[in-house]
Amino acid sequence: MSKNTIANVLQCYKCSVSIEKYVLNNKTISTPLCFKFQESNNYAVECPYSTMCLKTISILHLQNGQRQETITRGCAQQKNTTQIFRNKQWEQEHLVQEVYDEGCKDINTDRLAGSTEKKNCYCRGNLCNPSSYVTLDINVMIITFLWLWPYINLFDIVVSYLK
């Protein structure tokens, strides 16, 4: 468990599927939409209670064969709030817990209307959750290798012929 200080507050990109509004210091703040996402300061937020950023990709497979994909970005939920009895009164104490591994994790669910795929990708470092943040899946690497295999063999034949 750790606490972030003002000097090292993490920044992540934040956007959502629908407009979210909240009030902070008497100021209304709107979360921008992900379908308009750009790697700019308009999407950057401070994450004082996180050490990781999150990008979530959700895919809904509809019964008619279509699929609907959505993406959200933000701070990883790591804040744990407890009540501490101190100086004859109760106070809230906020701790940041390290509960996620860096990388992507698939979460698949089946529903009556269709199946849903969800992938949560956690990363460390300022603004590490843009659209270009991708981790390679072992299945993708194997398929790519098998697809390139005939070309690799052809390259070996050409090299041995030129010797």
N, C-alpha and C. Protein backbone atom coordinates (compact mmCIF):
# COMPACT_ATOMS: atom_id res chain seq x y z
N MET A 1 0.84 -1.17 0.00
CA MET A 1 0.00 0.00 0.00
C MET A 1 0.89 1.24 0.00
N SER A 2 0.45 2.24 -0.70
CA SER A 2 1.24 3.46 -0.78
C SER A 2 0.32 4.66 -0.90
N LYS A 3 0.89 5.81 -0.67
CA LYS A 3 0.17 7.06 -0.85
C LYS A 3 0.92 7.90 -1.87
N ASN A 4 0.21 8.48 -2.83
CA ASN A 4 0.83 9.41 -3.77
C ASN A 4 0.92 10.78 -3.10
N THR A 5 2.02 11.49 -3.38
CA THR A 5 2.13 12.86 -2.91
C THR A 5 1.83 13.79 -4.08
N ILE A 6 1.66 15.05 -3.79
CA ILE A 6 1.33 16.03 -4.82
C ILE A 6 2.40 16.02 -5.92
N ALA A 7 3.66 15.82 -5.57
CA ALA A 7 4.76 15.88 -6.53
C ALA A 7 4.71 14.75 -7.55
N ASN A 8 4.14 13.62 -7.20
CA ASN A 8 4.17 12.48 -8.13
C ASN A 8 2.78 11.94 -8.46
N VAL A 9 1.82 12.79 -8.62
CA VAL A 9 0.46 12.36 -8.96
C VAL A 9 0.44 11.89 -10.41
N LEU A 10 -0.08 10.70 -10.60
CA LEU A 10 -0.19 10.09 -11.93
C LEU A 10 -1.23 10.83 -12.76
N GLN A 11 -0.99 10.93 -14.06
CA GLN A 11 -1.98 11.44 -15.00
C GLN A 11 -2.36 10.33 -15.96
N CYS A 12 -3.66 10.23 -16.24
CA CYS A 12 -4.18 9.25 -17.20
C CYS A 12 -5.14 9.96 -18.15
N TYR A 13 -5.35 9.35 -19.29
CA TYR A 13 -6.41 9.83 -20.17
C TYR A 13 -7.73 9.34 -19.61
N LYS A 14 -8.77 10.19 -19.66
CA LYS A 14 -10.09 9.80 -19.18
C LYS A 14 -11.13 10.19 -20.21
N CYS A 15 -11.97 9.21 -20.55
CA CYS A 15 -13.12 9.45 -21.43
C CYS A 15 -14.13 8.35 -21.18
N SER A 16 -15.36 8.58 -21.62
CA SER A 16 -16.42 7.61 -21.35
C SER A 16 -17.33 7.46 -22.56
N VAL A 17 -18.26 6.51 -22.47
CA VAL A 17 -19.21 6.24 -23.54
C VAL A 17 -20.29 7.31 -23.58
N SER A 18 -20.71 7.77 -22.42
CA SER A 18 -21.73 8.83 -22.34
C SER A 18 -21.16 9.98 -21.52
N ILE A 19 -21.75 11.14 -21.66
CA ILE A 19 -21.25 12.32 -20.95
C ILE A 19 -21.48 12.15 -19.45
N GLU A 20 -20.39 12.28 -18.70
CA GLU A 20 -20.46 12.22 -17.24
C GLU A 20 -20.12 13.61 -16.71
N LYS A 21 -20.92 14.09 -15.78
CA LYS A 21 -20.66 15.39 -15.17
C LYS A 21 -20.54 15.20 -13.66
N TYR A 22 -19.58 15.91 -13.08
CA TYR A 22 -19.44 15.91 -11.63
C TYR A 22 -18.93 17.28 -11.19
N VAL A 23 -19.12 17.58 -9.92
CA VAL A 23 -18.73 18.88 -9.38
C VAL A 23 -17.48 18.68 -8.52
N LEU A 24 -16.48 19.53 -8.78
CA LEU A 24 -15.24 19.50 -8.03
C LEU A 24 -14.86 20.95 -7.71
N ASN A 25 -14.75 21.27 -6.44
CA ASN A 25 -14.43 22.64 -6.01
C ASN A 25 -15.38 23.67 -6.62
N ASN A 26 -16.67 23.39 -6.52
CA ASN A 26 -17.74 24.27 -7.04
C ASN A 26 -17.64 24.51 -8.54
N LYS A 27 -17.02 23.59 -9.26
CA LYS A 27 -16.90 23.71 -10.71
C LYS A 27 -17.41 22.41 -11.34
N THR A 28 -18.30 22.53 -12.33
CA THR A 28 -18.83 21.36 -13.02
C THR A 28 -17.83 20.89 -14.07
N ILE A 29 -17.47 19.63 -13.99
CA ILE A 29 -16.50 19.04 -14.92
C ILE A 29 -17.20 17.96 -15.72
N SER A 30 -17.00 17.96 -17.03
CA SER A 30 -17.57 16.95 -17.91
C SER A 30 -16.47 16.03 -18.42
N THR A 31 -16.73 14.74 -18.41
CA THR A 31 -15.80 13.78 -18.99
C THR A 31 -16.07 13.70 -20.49
N PRO A 32 -15.03 13.90 -21.32
CA PRO A 32 -15.26 13.86 -22.76
C PRO A 32 -15.60 12.45 -23.25
N LEU A 33 -16.18 12.37 -24.43
CA LEU A 33 -16.57 11.10 -25.03
C LEU A 33 -15.38 10.42 -25.68
N CYS A 34 -15.31 9.08 -25.54
CA CYS A 34 -14.19 8.33 -26.09
C CYS A 34 -14.22 8.25 -27.62
N PHE A 35 -15.40 8.31 -28.23
CA PHE A 35 -15.42 8.17 -29.67
C PHE A 35 -14.79 9.39 -30.37
N LYS A 36 -14.55 10.46 -29.61
CA LYS A 36 -13.86 11.64 -30.14
C LYS A 36 -12.43 11.74 -29.59
N PHE A 37 -11.91 10.67 -29.02
CA PHE A 37 -10.65 10.68 -28.28
C PHE A 37 -9.47 11.19 -29.10
N GLN A 38 -8.67 12.04 -28.46
CA GLN A 38 -7.41 12.53 -29.00
C GLN A 38 -6.41 12.55 -27.85
N GLU A 39 -5.17 12.27 -28.16
CA GLU A 39 -4.13 12.33 -27.14
C GLU A 39 -3.80 13.80 -26.88
N SER A 40 -4.61 14.44 -26.05
CA SER A 40 -4.41 15.86 -25.74
C SER A 40 -4.72 16.10 -24.27
N ASN A 41 -4.36 17.31 -23.80
CA ASN A 41 -4.61 17.67 -22.41
C ASN A 41 -6.10 17.74 -22.08
N ASN A 42 -6.96 17.87 -23.09
CA ASN A 42 -8.40 17.89 -22.84
C ASN A 42 -8.89 16.57 -22.24
N TYR A 43 -8.14 15.51 -22.43
CA TYR A 43 -8.53 14.19 -21.93
C TYR A 43 -7.70 13.76 -20.72
N ALA A 44 -6.73 14.55 -20.32
CA ALA A 44 -5.84 14.18 -19.22
C ALA A 44 -6.45 14.57 -17.88
N VAL A 45 -6.36 13.67 -16.91
CA VAL A 45 -6.83 13.93 -15.54
C VAL A 45 -5.76 13.46 -14.56
N GLU A 46 -5.78 14.04 -13.37
CA GLU A 46 -4.89 13.59 -12.31
C GLU A 46 -5.55 12.44 -11.56
N CYS A 47 -4.73 11.48 -11.16
CA CYS A 47 -5.22 10.29 -10.45
C CYS A 47 -4.50 10.19 -9.10
N PRO A 48 -4.91 10.98 -8.10
CA PRO A 48 -4.19 11.00 -6.83
C PRO A 48 -4.28 9.69 -6.05
N TYR A 49 -5.26 8.85 -6.35
CA TYR A 49 -5.42 7.60 -5.62
C TYR A 49 -5.18 6.39 -6.51
N SER A 50 -4.33 6.56 -7.54
CA SER A 50 -4.00 5.46 -8.44
C SER A 50 -2.51 5.48 -8.76
N THR A 51 -1.98 4.31 -9.02
CA THR A 51 -0.62 4.17 -9.53
C THR A 51 -0.64 3.60 -10.95
N MET A 52 -1.87 3.35 -11.46
CA MET A 52 -2.02 2.76 -12.79
C MET A 52 -3.18 3.44 -13.52
N CYS A 53 -3.08 3.41 -14.86
CA CYS A 53 -4.18 3.87 -15.71
C CYS A 53 -4.92 2.64 -16.23
N LEU A 54 -6.14 2.87 -16.71
CA LEU A 54 -7.00 1.78 -17.19
C LEU A 54 -7.60 2.15 -18.54
N LYS A 55 -7.62 1.17 -19.42
CA LYS A 55 -8.37 1.28 -20.67
C LYS A 55 -9.24 0.03 -20.75
N THR A 56 -10.55 0.22 -20.91
CA THR A 56 -11.48 -0.90 -20.99
C THR A 56 -12.11 -0.94 -22.37
N ILE A 57 -12.02 -2.12 -22.99
CA ILE A 57 -12.64 -2.35 -24.30
C ILE A 57 -13.77 -3.35 -24.07
N SER A 58 -15.00 -2.95 -24.43
CA SER A 58 -16.16 -3.82 -24.28
C SER A 58 -16.76 -4.07 -25.66
N ILE A 59 -17.06 -5.35 -25.94
CA ILE A 59 -17.67 -5.72 -27.21
C ILE A 59 -18.93 -6.51 -26.91
N LEU A 60 -20.05 -6.04 -27.42
CA LEU A 60 -21.32 -6.72 -27.28
C LEU A 60 -21.65 -7.39 -28.61
N HIS A 61 -21.79 -8.72 -28.59
CA HIS A 61 -22.17 -9.48 -29.79
C HIS A 61 -23.69 -9.62 -29.79
N LEU A 62 -24.32 -8.99 -30.76
CA LEU A 62 -25.78 -9.00 -30.85
C LEU A 62 -26.27 -10.26 -31.55
N GLN A 63 -27.53 -10.61 -31.34
CA GLN A 63 -28.08 -11.82 -31.91
C GLN A 63 -28.15 -11.78 -33.43
N ASN A 64 -28.19 -10.59 -34.02
CA ASN A 64 -28.27 -10.49 -35.48
C ASN A 64 -26.89 -10.55 -36.14
N GLY A 65 -25.85 -10.87 -35.36
CA GLY A 65 -24.50 -11.02 -35.90
C GLY A 65 -23.67 -9.75 -35.83
N GLN A 66 -24.28 -8.64 -35.51
CA GLN A 66 -23.53 -7.40 -35.39
C GLN A 66 -22.81 -7.34 -34.05
N ARG A 67 -21.82 -6.47 -33.99
CA ARG A 67 -21.11 -6.26 -32.73
C ARG A 67 -20.97 -4.78 -32.47
N GLN A 68 -21.07 -4.42 -31.20
CA GLN A 68 -20.95 -3.04 -30.76
C GLN A 68 -19.75 -2.94 -29.84
N GLU A 69 -18.78 -2.10 -30.19
CA GLU A 69 -17.56 -1.95 -29.40
C GLU A 69 -17.53 -0.58 -28.75
N THR A 70 -17.17 -0.54 -27.48
CA THR A 70 -17.00 0.71 -26.76
C THR A 70 -15.67 0.70 -26.02
N ILE A 71 -15.12 1.88 -25.82
CA ILE A 71 -13.86 2.03 -25.10
C ILE A 71 -14.04 3.10 -24.04
N THR A 72 -13.51 2.85 -22.87
CA THR A 72 -13.45 3.87 -21.82
C THR A 72 -12.02 3.92 -21.29
N ARG A 73 -11.64 5.06 -20.77
CA ARG A 73 -10.30 5.26 -20.22
C ARG A 73 -10.42 5.99 -18.89
N GLY A 74 -9.44 5.78 -18.02
CA GLY A 74 -9.45 6.50 -16.76
C GLY A 74 -8.39 6.00 -15.81
N CYS A 75 -8.55 6.34 -14.56
CA CYS A 75 -7.65 5.93 -13.49
C CYS A 75 -8.08 4.55 -12.99
N ALA A 76 -7.13 3.70 -12.69
CA ALA A 76 -7.46 2.39 -12.11
C ALA A 76 -8.01 2.62 -10.70
N GLN A 77 -9.05 1.87 -10.34
CA GLN A 77 -9.67 2.00 -9.02
C GLN A 77 -8.82 1.27 -7.99
N GLN A 78 -8.06 2.01 -7.23
CA GLN A 78 -7.16 1.42 -6.24
C GLN A 78 -7.35 2.01 -4.84
N LYS A 79 -8.26 2.94 -4.70
CA LYS A 79 -8.46 3.64 -3.43
C LYS A 79 -9.25 2.78 -2.44
N ASN A 80 -8.72 2.64 -1.26
CA ASN A 80 -9.40 1.94 -0.19
C ASN A 80 -9.56 2.92 0.97
N THR A 81 -10.81 3.22 1.32
CA THR A 81 -11.10 4.18 2.38
C THR A 81 -11.53 3.44 3.63
N THR A 82 -10.89 3.75 4.73
CA THR A 82 -11.24 3.14 6.02
C THR A 82 -11.49 4.25 7.04
N GLN A 83 -12.15 3.90 8.12
CA GLN A 83 -12.42 4.82 9.23
C GLN A 83 -11.41 4.54 10.34
N ILE A 84 -10.74 5.59 10.79
CA ILE A 84 -9.75 5.49 11.86
C ILE A 84 -10.20 6.37 13.01
N PHE A 85 -10.17 5.81 14.22
CA PHE A 85 -10.51 6.60 15.41
C PHE A 85 -9.24 7.25 15.93
N ARG A 86 -9.16 8.58 15.79
CA ARG A 86 -7.95 9.31 16.13
C ARG A 86 -8.35 10.60 16.84
N ASN A 87 -7.69 10.89 17.94
CA ASN A 87 -7.97 12.12 18.72
C ASN A 87 -9.46 12.24 19.08
N LYS A 88 -10.02 11.13 19.54
CA LYS A 88 -11.41 11.07 20.01
C LYS A 88 -12.45 11.34 18.93
N GLN A 89 -12.07 11.12 17.66
CA GLN A 89 -13.06 11.26 16.58
C GLN A 89 -12.68 10.34 15.42
N TRP A 90 -13.69 10.04 14.62
CA TRP A 90 -13.50 9.19 13.46
C TRP A 90 -13.03 10.02 12.27
N GLU A 91 -12.03 9.52 11.58
CA GLU A 91 -11.50 10.17 10.39
C GLU A 91 -11.41 9.15 9.26
N GLN A 92 -11.55 9.64 8.05
CA GLN A 92 -11.35 8.77 6.90
C GLN A 92 -9.86 8.73 6.54
N GLU A 93 -9.40 7.55 6.23
CA GLU A 93 -8.03 7.39 5.76
C GLU A 93 -8.08 6.71 4.40
N HIS A 94 -7.42 7.31 3.41
CA HIS A 94 -7.42 6.79 2.05
C HIS A 94 -6.07 6.14 1.77
N LEU A 95 -6.10 4.90 1.36
CA LEU A 95 -4.89 4.18 0.99
C LEU A 95 -4.99 3.72 -0.46
N VAL A 96 -3.85 3.69 -1.14
CA VAL A 96 -3.79 3.20 -2.52
C VAL A 96 -3.24 1.78 -2.46
N GLN A 97 -4.02 0.83 -2.93
CA GLN A 97 -3.61 -0.57 -2.89
C GLN A 97 -3.19 -1.05 -4.28
N GLU A 98 -2.12 -1.82 -4.32
CA GLU A 98 -1.62 -2.41 -5.57
C GLU A 98 -2.35 -3.73 -5.78
N VAL A 99 -3.42 -3.70 -6.57
CA VAL A 99 -4.24 -4.90 -6.74
C VAL A 99 -4.27 -5.42 -8.17
N TYR A 100 -3.65 -4.72 -9.12
CA TYR A 100 -3.70 -5.11 -10.52
C TYR A 100 -2.30 -5.40 -11.05
N ASP A 101 -2.23 -6.33 -11.99
CA ASP A 101 -0.99 -6.58 -12.72
C ASP A 101 -1.02 -5.75 -13.99
N GLU A 102 0.14 -5.31 -14.43
CA GLU A 102 0.21 -4.54 -15.66
C GLU A 102 -0.08 -5.47 -16.84
N GLY A 103 -0.86 -4.99 -17.79
CA GLY A 103 -1.23 -5.78 -18.97
C GLY A 103 -2.74 -5.87 -19.10
N CYS A 104 -3.17 -6.70 -20.04
CA CYS A 104 -4.61 -6.82 -20.33
C CYS A 104 -5.16 -8.14 -19.82
N LYS A 105 -6.40 -8.10 -19.39
CA LYS A 105 -7.08 -9.30 -18.89
C LYS A 105 -8.47 -9.35 -19.50
N ASP A 106 -8.82 -10.50 -20.10
CA ASP A 106 -10.14 -10.69 -20.70
C ASP A 106 -11.14 -11.10 -19.64
N ILE A 107 -12.34 -10.52 -19.75
CA ILE A 107 -13.46 -10.88 -18.87
C ILE A 107 -14.63 -11.17 -19.80
N ASN A 108 -15.01 -12.42 -19.98
CA ASN A 108 -16.09 -12.79 -20.90
C ASN A 108 -17.33 -13.18 -20.12
N THR A 109 -18.48 -12.72 -20.60
CA THR A 109 -19.75 -13.06 -19.98
C THR A 109 -20.77 -13.37 -21.06
N ASP A 110 -21.69 -14.25 -20.76
CA ASP A 110 -22.79 -14.56 -21.68
C ASP A 110 -24.07 -13.98 -21.11
N ARG A 111 -24.87 -13.39 -21.96
CA ARG A 111 -26.16 -12.81 -21.56
C ARG A 111 -27.23 -13.35 -22.49
N LEU A 112 -28.48 -13.19 -22.12
CA LEU A 112 -29.57 -13.67 -22.95
C LEU A 112 -29.61 -12.95 -24.30
N ALA A 113 -29.34 -11.66 -24.33
CA ALA A 113 -29.41 -10.89 -25.57
C ALA A 113 -28.19 -11.08 -26.45
N GLY A 114 -27.11 -11.57 -25.92
CA GLY A 114 -25.88 -11.76 -26.67
C GLY A 114 -24.71 -11.90 -25.72
N SER A 115 -23.54 -12.21 -26.24
CA SER A 115 -22.38 -12.36 -25.37
C SER A 115 -21.61 -11.04 -25.33
N THR A 116 -20.91 -10.84 -24.23
CA THR A 116 -20.13 -9.63 -24.03
C THR A 116 -18.69 -10.01 -23.76
N GLU A 117 -17.78 -9.35 -24.44
CA GLU A 117 -16.36 -9.49 -24.16
C GLU A 117 -15.91 -8.19 -23.52
N LYS A 118 -15.07 -8.30 -22.53
CA LYS A 118 -14.55 -7.11 -21.88
C LYS A 118 -13.07 -7.33 -21.62
N LYS A 119 -12.27 -6.34 -21.96
CA LYS A 119 -10.83 -6.43 -21.74
C LYS A 119 -10.41 -5.19 -20.95
N ASN A 120 -9.83 -5.43 -19.77
CA ASN A 120 -9.27 -4.35 -18.96
C ASN A 120 -7.77 -4.35 -19.14
N CYS A 121 -7.22 -3.21 -19.56
CA CYS A 121 -5.78 -3.07 -19.76
C CYS A 121 -5.24 -2.05 -18.76
N TYR A 122 -4.33 -2.51 -17.89
CA TYR A 122 -3.73 -1.66 -16.87
C TYR A 122 -2.29 -1.35 -17.26
N CYS A 123 -1.88 -0.09 -17.05
CA CYS A 123 -0.52 0.31 -17.38
C CYS A 123 -0.01 1.30 -16.35
N ARG A 124 1.32 1.39 -16.27
CA ARG A 124 1.96 2.32 -15.34
C ARG A 124 2.62 3.44 -16.13
N GLY A 125 2.55 4.63 -15.61
CA GLY A 125 3.22 5.76 -16.24
C GLY A 125 2.20 6.80 -16.69
N ASN A 126 2.66 8.04 -16.74
CA ASN A 126 1.77 9.13 -17.12
C ASN A 126 1.23 8.95 -18.53
N LEU A 127 -0.10 9.08 -18.66
CA LEU A 127 -0.80 9.06 -19.95
C LEU A 127 -0.47 7.80 -20.75
N CYS A 128 -0.43 6.67 -20.08
CA CYS A 128 -0.05 5.41 -20.74
C CYS A 128 -1.24 4.68 -21.35
N ASN A 129 -2.46 5.24 -21.31
CA ASN A 129 -3.64 4.52 -21.80
C ASN A 129 -4.28 5.16 -23.04
N PRO A 130 -3.46 5.57 -24.03
CA PRO A 130 -4.06 6.10 -25.27
C PRO A 130 -4.55 4.98 -26.16
N SER A 131 -5.03 5.34 -27.34
CA SER A 131 -5.55 4.32 -28.26
C SER A 131 -4.46 3.40 -28.75
N SER A 132 -3.22 3.85 -28.73
CA SER A 132 -2.14 3.01 -29.24
C SER A 132 -1.62 2.01 -28.22
N TYR A 133 -2.12 2.05 -26.97
CA TYR A 133 -1.65 1.12 -25.96
C TYR A 133 -2.21 -0.27 -26.23
N VAL A 134 -1.34 -1.20 -26.59
CA VAL A 134 -1.75 -2.55 -26.92
C VAL A 134 -0.72 -3.51 -26.34
N THR A 135 -1.17 -4.60 -25.77
CA THR A 135 -0.25 -5.66 -25.40
C THR A 135 -0.53 -6.84 -26.31
N LEU A 136 0.52 -7.51 -26.72
CA LEU A 136 0.36 -8.62 -27.65
C LEU A 136 -0.14 -9.87 -26.94
N ASP A 137 -1.15 -10.45 -27.48
CA ASP A 137 -1.71 -11.68 -26.98
C ASP A 137 -0.93 -12.84 -27.60
N ILE A 138 -0.69 -13.91 -26.85
CA ILE A 138 0.08 -15.05 -27.34
C ILE A 138 -0.58 -15.68 -28.58
N ASN A 139 -1.92 -15.70 -28.62
CA ASN A 139 -2.61 -16.26 -29.78
C ASN A 139 -2.33 -15.45 -31.04
N VAL A 140 -2.28 -14.13 -30.91
CA VAL A 140 -1.98 -13.27 -32.06
C VAL A 140 -0.56 -13.53 -32.54
N MET A 141 0.37 -13.70 -31.60
CA MET A 141 1.75 -13.96 -31.99
C MET A 141 1.87 -15.30 -32.72
N ILE A 142 1.19 -16.33 -32.25
CA ILE A 142 1.26 -17.65 -32.89
C ILE A 142 0.66 -17.60 -34.29
N ILE A 143 -0.49 -16.97 -34.44
CA ILE A 143 -1.12 -16.87 -35.76
C ILE A 143 -0.23 -16.10 -36.73
N THR A 144 0.37 -15.01 -36.26
CA THR A 144 1.27 -14.23 -37.10
C THR A 144 2.48 -15.06 -37.52
N PHE A 145 3.05 -15.79 -36.58
CA PHE A 145 4.20 -16.64 -36.89
C PHE A 145 3.83 -17.71 -37.92
N LEU A 146 2.69 -18.37 -37.74
CA LEU A 146 2.27 -19.39 -38.69
C LEU A 146 1.99 -18.81 -40.07
N TRP A 147 1.44 -17.59 -40.10
CA TRP A 147 1.17 -16.94 -41.38
C TRP A 147 2.47 -16.59 -42.10
N LEU A 148 3.51 -16.18 -41.34
CA LEU A 148 4.79 -15.80 -41.93
C LEU A 148 5.71 -16.99 -42.22
N TRP A 149 5.39 -18.17 -41.69
CA TRP A 149 6.27 -19.34 -41.80
C TRP A 149 6.66 -19.66 -43.25
N PRO A 150 5.74 -19.69 -44.21
CA PRO A 150 6.15 -19.98 -45.59
C PRO A 150 7.17 -18.97 -46.13
N TYR A 151 7.04 -17.72 -45.74
CA TYR A 151 7.98 -16.70 -46.20
C TYR A 151 9.34 -16.87 -45.53
N ILE A 152 9.34 -17.31 -44.29
CA ILE A 152 10.60 -17.56 -43.58
C ILE A 152 11.35 -18.71 -44.27
N ASN A 153 10.64 -19.79 -44.59
CA ASN A 153 11.26 -20.92 -45.29
C ASN A 153 11.78 -20.49 -46.66
N LEU A 154 11.03 -19.68 -47.39
CA LEU A 154 11.45 -19.19 -48.69
C LEU A 154 12.72 -18.36 -48.56
N PHE A 155 12.82 -17.54 -47.51
CA PHE A 155 14.01 -16.74 -47.28
C PHE A 155 15.22 -17.64 -47.06
N ASP A 156 15.07 -18.72 -46.26
CA ASP A 156 16.16 -19.67 -46.02
C ASP A 156 16.62 -20.32 -47.32
N ILE A 157 15.67 -20.66 -48.19
CA ILE A 157 16.01 -21.30 -49.47
C ILE A 157 16.80 -20.33 -50.34
N VAL A 158 16.37 -19.08 -50.41
CA VAL A 158 17.07 -18.09 -51.23
C VAL A 158 18.48 -17.84 -50.69
N VAL A 159 18.64 -17.74 -49.38
CA VAL A 159 19.96 -17.51 -48.78
C VAL A 159 20.88 -18.68 -49.05
N SER A 160 20.39 -19.92 -48.92
CA SER A 160 21.23 -21.09 -49.17
C SER A 160 21.59 -21.20 -50.66
N TYR A 161 20.71 -20.75 -51.54
CA TYR A 161 20.98 -20.78 -52.98
C TYR A 161 22.07 -19.77 -53.35
N LEU A 162 22.06 -18.61 -52.67
CA LEU A 162 23.03 -17.57 -52.97
C LEU A 162 24.41 -17.87 -52.43
N LYS A 163 24.56 -18.82 -51.53
CA LYS A 163 25.87 -19.16 -50.93
C LYS A 163 26.75 -19.90 -51.87
